[in-house]
Amino acid sequence: MLPIGQAAARIKMRTRNYWPPGLAETSQPACVGDPADPASVPHQSTYYMHTTASIPALYSHEIVKASADGWCPRGAARASEPWSVGSDRYAMCALDGAWNQTPYRVGSIPVAIVPNHTEMPAQ
């Protein structure tokens, strides 16, 4: 998240609310703006105050332990060749029904792969 630096800049900034999908804008006079898409992001300030990787609604992929043959669990589409971290194998797998259908892969990295911003696990 980027709350400290962004919060000061947002004091005089007006961001808009999004209205829930399926409701006509006229039925919710207090809600002004576009439909919430994805539905779990009800306010424009979510995008302003957080990085993309901090908004799970935008995730399109996940990095998971791959099967022994390197495939994603649950039959998900594999978006990368598997790689090893220590004795484990990982693969980037597409999320079924992800809202984000852009060509960009968005997700989080497991702590087992990147424990913090200064150390990398042994390969």
Protein backbone atom coordinates (compact mmCIF):
# COMPACT_ATOMS: atom_id res chain seq x y z
CA MET A 1 0.00 0.00 0.00
CA LEU A 2 1.00 3.60 -0.47
CA PRO A 3 -1.13 5.25 2.22
CA ILE A 4 1.30 7.70 3.81
CA GLY A 5 2.41 9.55 0.69
CA GLN A 6 -0.92 9.31 -1.06
CA ALA A 7 -3.08 10.27 1.94
CA ALA A 8 -1.57 13.74 2.14
CA ALA A 9 -2.17 14.35 -1.55
CA ARG A 10 -5.73 13.03 -1.30
CA ILE A 11 -6.88 15.52 1.37
CA LYS A 12 -8.26 17.95 -1.21
CA MET A 13 -8.79 15.39 -3.96
CA ARG A 14 -12.26 14.17 -4.80
CA THR A 15 -12.60 10.56 -5.85
CA ARG A 16 -15.86 8.97 -6.83
CA ASN A 17 -17.90 6.09 -5.55
CA TYR A 18 -18.84 3.31 -7.91
CA TRP A 19 -22.31 1.83 -7.75
CA PRO A 20 -22.92 -1.91 -7.43
CA PRO A 21 -23.49 -3.87 -10.64
CA GLY A 22 -27.13 -4.42 -11.52
CA LEU A 23 -28.43 -1.22 -9.95
CA ALA A 24 -29.56 1.64 -12.10
CA GLU A 25 -27.76 4.86 -11.19
CA THR A 26 -31.13 6.56 -10.67
CA SER A 27 -32.11 4.04 -7.99
CA GLN A 28 -29.11 5.07 -5.88
CA PRO A 29 -29.01 8.89 -5.90
CA ALA A 30 -26.15 9.00 -3.38
CA CYS A 31 -23.92 6.98 -5.72
CA VAL A 32 -22.41 8.97 -8.52
CA GLY A 33 -20.10 7.45 -11.06
CA ASP A 34 -19.61 4.31 -13.04
CA PRO A 35 -20.61 0.76 -12.16
CA ALA A 36 -18.21 -0.98 -9.79
CA ASP A 37 -16.15 -3.22 -11.99
CA PRO A 38 -14.81 -5.35 -10.40
CA ALA A 39 -17.62 -5.33 -7.86
CA SER A 40 -15.26 -5.60 -4.89
CA VAL A 41 -13.75 -2.16 -5.63
CA PRO A 42 -16.51 0.26 -4.56
CA HIS A 43 -14.50 3.48 -4.60
CA GLN A 44 -11.98 5.10 -6.95
CA SER A 45 -9.65 5.83 -4.02
CA THR A 46 -8.85 2.10 -3.82
CA TYR A 47 -6.86 2.46 -7.04
CA TYR A 48 -5.22 5.68 -5.85
CA MET A 49 -4.19 4.41 -2.40
CA HIS A 50 -2.94 0.90 -3.29
CA THR A 51 -0.54 -0.74 -5.70
CA THR A 52 -1.98 -3.15 -8.25
CA ALA A 53 -0.57 -6.18 -6.40
CA SER A 54 -2.38 -5.02 -3.24
CA ILE A 55 -5.82 -5.24 -4.87
CA PRO A 56 -6.78 -8.95 -5.03
CA ALA A 57 -9.76 -8.14 -7.27
CA LEU A 58 -7.25 -7.38 -10.05
CA TYR A 59 -5.41 -10.71 -9.79
CA SER A 60 -5.34 -12.71 -12.99
CA HIS A 61 -2.78 -15.36 -11.99
CA GLU A 62 -1.41 -17.11 -8.95
CA ILE A 63 1.95 -18.71 -8.28
CA VAL A 64 1.46 -22.14 -6.78
CA LYS A 65 3.42 -25.27 -6.12
CA ALA A 66 3.27 -27.23 -9.33
CA SER A 67 2.61 -30.92 -9.61
CA ALA A 68 5.55 -33.27 -10.14
CA ASP A 69 5.17 -32.92 -13.92
CA GLY A 70 5.04 -29.12 -13.63
CA TRP A 71 1.34 -28.52 -14.24
CA CYS A 72 -1.03 -26.28 -12.34
CA PRO A 73 -3.47 -27.81 -9.87
CA ARG A 74 -7.19 -27.96 -10.63
CA GLY A 75 -6.53 -28.04 -14.35
CA ALA A 76 -5.81 -24.30 -14.54
CA ALA A 77 -3.94 -23.01 -17.57
CA ARG A 78 -0.21 -22.68 -17.00
CA ALA A 79 1.15 -19.25 -17.88
CA SER A 80 4.84 -19.99 -17.37
CA GLU A 81 7.31 -22.82 -17.38
CA PRO A 82 7.73 -24.24 -13.87
CA TRP A 83 10.81 -23.28 -11.89
CA SER A 84 12.44 -24.59 -8.72
CA VAL A 85 12.95 -22.83 -5.42
CA GLY A 86 14.83 -25.14 -3.10
CA SER A 87 13.18 -28.54 -3.42
CA ASP A 88 9.79 -27.14 -4.51
CA ARG A 89 8.58 -26.48 -8.05
CA TYR A 90 6.33 -23.52 -8.81
CA ALA A 91 4.26 -22.43 -11.78
CA MET A 92 2.25 -19.34 -12.63
CA CYS A 93 -1.34 -20.40 -13.23
CA ALA A 94 -4.29 -18.49 -14.65
CA LEU A 95 -7.19 -17.90 -12.26
CA ASP A 96 -10.51 -19.23 -13.49
CA GLY A 97 -13.07 -16.45 -13.88
CA ALA A 98 -10.60 -13.63 -13.21
CA TRP A 99 -12.05 -10.18 -13.80
CA ASN A 100 -8.72 -8.93 -15.14
CA GLN A 101 -8.47 -10.16 -18.73
CA THR A 102 -5.69 -7.77 -19.79
CA PRO A 103 -2.44 -9.14 -21.24
CA TYR A 104 -0.72 -8.25 -17.94
CA ARG A 105 -0.27 -10.94 -15.30
CA VAL A 106 -1.23 -9.69 -11.86
CA GLY A 107 -0.90 -11.62 -8.61
CA SER A 108 1.18 -11.98 -5.50
CA ILE A 109 4.37 -13.93 -4.95
CA PRO A 110 4.48 -16.50 -2.14
CA VAL A 111 6.75 -15.71 0.80
CA ALA A 112 8.60 -18.98 0.11
CA ILE A 113 9.88 -17.42 -3.13
CA VAL A 114 10.52 -13.85 -1.96
CA PRO A 115 10.57 -13.71 1.85
CA ASN A 116 11.15 -9.92 1.96
CA HIS A 117 12.59 -7.16 -0.18
CA THR A 118 16.25 -7.91 0.60
CA GLU A 119 16.72 -11.69 0.68
CA MET A 120 16.26 -14.21 -2.06
CA PRO A 121 15.94 -17.93 -1.30
CA ALA A 122 18.70 -20.28 -2.39
CA GLN A 123 18.15 -21.65 -5.88
